[in-house]
């Protein structure tokens, strides 16, 4: 928001020369746009690392110096939006658009940059890579960073122009023993010879500086339950509309599906802190699509369809609305094997 700096869910539509955004009420997009961003003269920053706890941002600065911060629900979605928006900004310059697509899958380490320079910048306490504590398979690791966080950092600091290029560069840092994998996912990937498979551009793959201390281990029993249920591998995430249990109103929530252990958590995207507002174990759950003709029993309000229902083993009913039939099928197919 521009007046109150809060975060609100909006439905975006990209046109040739502008980006329109709409309010969502009761699970439906309002007919008239809430606002628009004119793309003529815009500059785009992606990844934008100005908000430490929101790594999936795109920043747009208009030619009148108005800043817009847009958050996506995955890195793939963010990068896809950024490429399409950049293409719209440079629509009158087809050569630049062609160059963007060419750079997306190319790699060339800048002549005046050495790996030592990159690592030195990574250590900088103000502008370097952010180090955090992470949990993997019941083990706690201090001063780590994820693979996708390093890819974002390399791009935002102009050491790479694409994720493909940043992954190759990160693999070189690993080969030269500047960084090392920790945890199950990143360690297992080391057996691949292809650089694009050896380093994982993934938010669940952990890495640390090679000279950092060894991991501090703790048994799974010592880890708090809420931490353990959030430690599973992220299988799928995205925005869905959920019916509340008490007021029966519909609100947009960011859902994160995890395996090992299997949990489905949902977050309020308008809140600054990255903590779930609810969630449940998927063991013993039943998930099914609901018919689009008429309003099913238990569902209140005016809904667009594409509904599905999850019943927990404690007989709690969750009604969730996807944006399309295809998205509903994808979520159901992702959830079913974990029940």
Foldseek 3Di string as FASTA:
>chain_A
DVPPPWDDDWDWDDDLFKIFTFHAFQAHTDPDTPDMGGLAQKDKAPQDPPQVQQRQWIWIQHPVGDIDIDGFKDNVVSVVVVLVSVCSNCVVPVVVNVVLVVQQQDADFDPVDDPVNLLVQLPDPPLHQDFQWADAQQFIFGGKAALLSQLRSCCNVPRGVYSNHSLLSVLVCVVVQQKHWDHDPQVVQCVDPDSNSNGDSARLTIMHGNPDDDTDGDGNVPDDPVRQVVNFDWDDKHWWWWQDDPPRGIDIWIWTFGVPPTKIFTCRRRDSDPDTPDIDGLVPKDKDADDQPDDDPPHDDDHRGQWMWIAHPVRDIIIIHDPDVVVSVVVCVSSVVND
